[in-house]
Amino acid sequence: MKDTEERGGRGESKKVTLVVDGKRVPLNPYVSSVFSSIITALVSTLKGVDEDWSLAEIKVEK
């Protein structure tokens, strides 16, 4: 199963992987782009996060 990869606005490559209960969930390019854009925007605005960060891992438990 392939991760979805997209090109960022500055030419950087962004890879989005979604794993739910240990199973990798395939993402189409649109969903991957939405996840990437939203998470990148949120993480980039956080105090203490370097401008050139390269990896964000988010774990949500319900």
C-alpha atoms as a PDB file:
ATOM      1  CA  MET A   1       0.000   0.000   0.000  1.00  0.00           C
ATOM      2  CA  LYS A   2       1.424   3.362  -1.019  1.00  0.00           C
ATOM      3  CA  ASP A   3       1.506   6.539   1.049  1.00  0.00           C
ATOM      4  CA  THR A   4       0.182   9.575  -0.747  1.00  0.00           C
ATOM      5  CA  GLU A   5       2.830  12.150  -1.541  1.00  0.00           C
ATOM      6  CA  GLU A   6       2.325  15.689  -2.781  1.00  0.00           C
ATOM      7  CA  ARG A   7       4.480  18.638  -3.664  1.00  0.00           C
ATOM      8  CA  GLY A   8       4.326  21.541  -1.233  1.00  0.00           C
ATOM      9  CA  GLY A   9       4.179  25.191  -2.191  1.00  0.00           C
ATOM     10  CA  ARG A  10       7.941  25.583  -1.743  1.00  0.00           C
ATOM     11  CA  GLY A  11       8.787  22.472  -3.731  1.00  0.00           C
ATOM     12  CA  GLU A  12       9.054  20.275  -0.660  1.00  0.00           C
ATOM     13  CA  SER A  13       7.519  16.842  -0.768  1.00  0.00           C
ATOM     14  CA  LYS A  14       4.885  15.982   1.839  1.00  0.00           C
ATOM     15  CA  LYS A  15       3.894  12.418   2.643  1.00  0.00           C
ATOM     16  CA  VAL A  16       0.719  11.682   4.590  1.00  0.00           C
ATOM     17  CA  THR A  17       0.107   8.328   6.256  1.00  0.00           C
ATOM     18  CA  LEU A  18      -3.063   7.466   8.180  1.00  0.00           C
ATOM     19  CA  VAL A  19      -3.099   4.425  10.467  1.00  0.00           C
ATOM     20  CA  VAL A  20      -6.304   3.532  12.345  1.00  0.00           C
ATOM     21  CA  ASP A  21      -6.205   0.754  14.934  1.00  0.00           C
ATOM     22  CA  GLY A  22      -2.967  -0.533  13.430  1.00  0.00           C
ATOM     23  CA  LYS A  23      -4.287  -0.643   9.837  1.00  0.00           C
ATOM     24  CA  ARG A  24      -2.923   1.726   7.215  1.00  0.00           C
ATOM     25  CA  VAL A  25      -5.774   3.560   5.479  1.00  0.00           C
ATOM     26  CA  PRO A  26      -5.157   4.502   1.833  1.00  0.00           C
ATOM     27  CA  LEU A  27      -5.731   8.173   1.027  1.00  0.00           C
ATOM     28  CA  ASN A  28      -6.551   9.586  -2.374  1.00  0.00           C
ATOM     29  CA  PRO A  29      -4.589  12.674  -3.491  1.00  0.00           C
ATOM     30  CA  TYR A  30      -7.384  15.109  -2.512  1.00  0.00           C
ATOM     31  CA  VAL A  31      -7.764  13.792   1.045  1.00  0.00           C
ATOM     32  CA  SER A  32      -3.985  13.652   1.450  1.00  0.00           C
ATOM     33  CA  SER A  33      -3.712  17.261   0.287  1.00  0.00           C
ATOM     34  CA  VAL A  34      -6.434  18.411   2.714  1.00  0.00           C
ATOM     35  CA  PHE A  35      -4.815  16.589   5.672  1.00  0.00           C
ATOM     36  CA  SER A  36      -1.386  17.922   4.732  1.00  0.00           C
ATOM     37  CA  SER A  37      -2.534  21.518   4.324  1.00  0.00           C
ATOM     38  CA  ILE A  38      -4.512  21.637   7.559  1.00  0.00           C
ATOM     39  CA  ILE A  39      -1.917  19.876   9.722  1.00  0.00           C
ATOM     40  CA  THR A  40       0.955  21.901   8.228  1.00  0.00           C
ATOM     41  CA  ALA A  41      -0.893  25.159   8.892  1.00  0.00           C
ATOM     42  CA  LEU A  42      -1.742  24.184  12.481  1.00  0.00           C
ATOM     43  CA  VAL A  43       1.715  22.862  13.382  1.00  0.00           C
ATOM     44  CA  SER A  44       3.518  25.805  11.772  1.00  0.00           C
ATOM     45  CA  THR A  45       1.691  28.300  13.985  1.00  0.00           C
ATOM     46  CA  LEU A  46       2.532  26.572  17.275  1.00  0.00           C
ATOM     47  CA  LYS A  47       4.933  28.306  19.636  1.00  0.00           C
ATOM     48  CA  GLY A  48       8.172  26.351  20.009  1.00  0.00           C
ATOM     49  CA  VAL A  49       7.982  24.634  16.600  1.00  0.00           C
ATOM     50  CA  ASP A  50      10.996  25.331  14.391  1.00  0.00           C
ATOM     51  CA  GLU A  51      10.238  26.979  11.054  1.00  0.00           C
ATOM     52  CA  ASP A  52      12.014  24.162   9.211  1.00  0.00           C
ATOM     53  CA  TRP A  53      10.311  21.228  10.984  1.00  0.00           C
ATOM     54  CA  SER A  54      10.209  18.043   8.927  1.00  0.00           C
ATOM     55  CA  LEU A  55       7.976  15.513  10.710  1.00  0.00           C
ATOM     56  CA  ALA A  56       4.789  15.813  12.751  1.00  0.00           C
ATOM     57  CA  GLU A  57       3.216  12.759  14.356  1.00  0.00           C
ATOM     58  CA  ILE A  58      -0.285  13.031  15.786  1.00  0.00           C
ATOM     59  CA  LYS A  59      -1.927  10.331  17.857  1.00  0.00           C
ATOM     60  CA  VAL A  60      -5.637  10.611  18.687  1.00  0.00           C
ATOM     61  CA  GLU A  61      -7.254   8.226  21.167  1.00  0.00           C
ATOM     62  CA  LYS A  62     -10.981   8.076  21.731  1.00  0.00           C
END
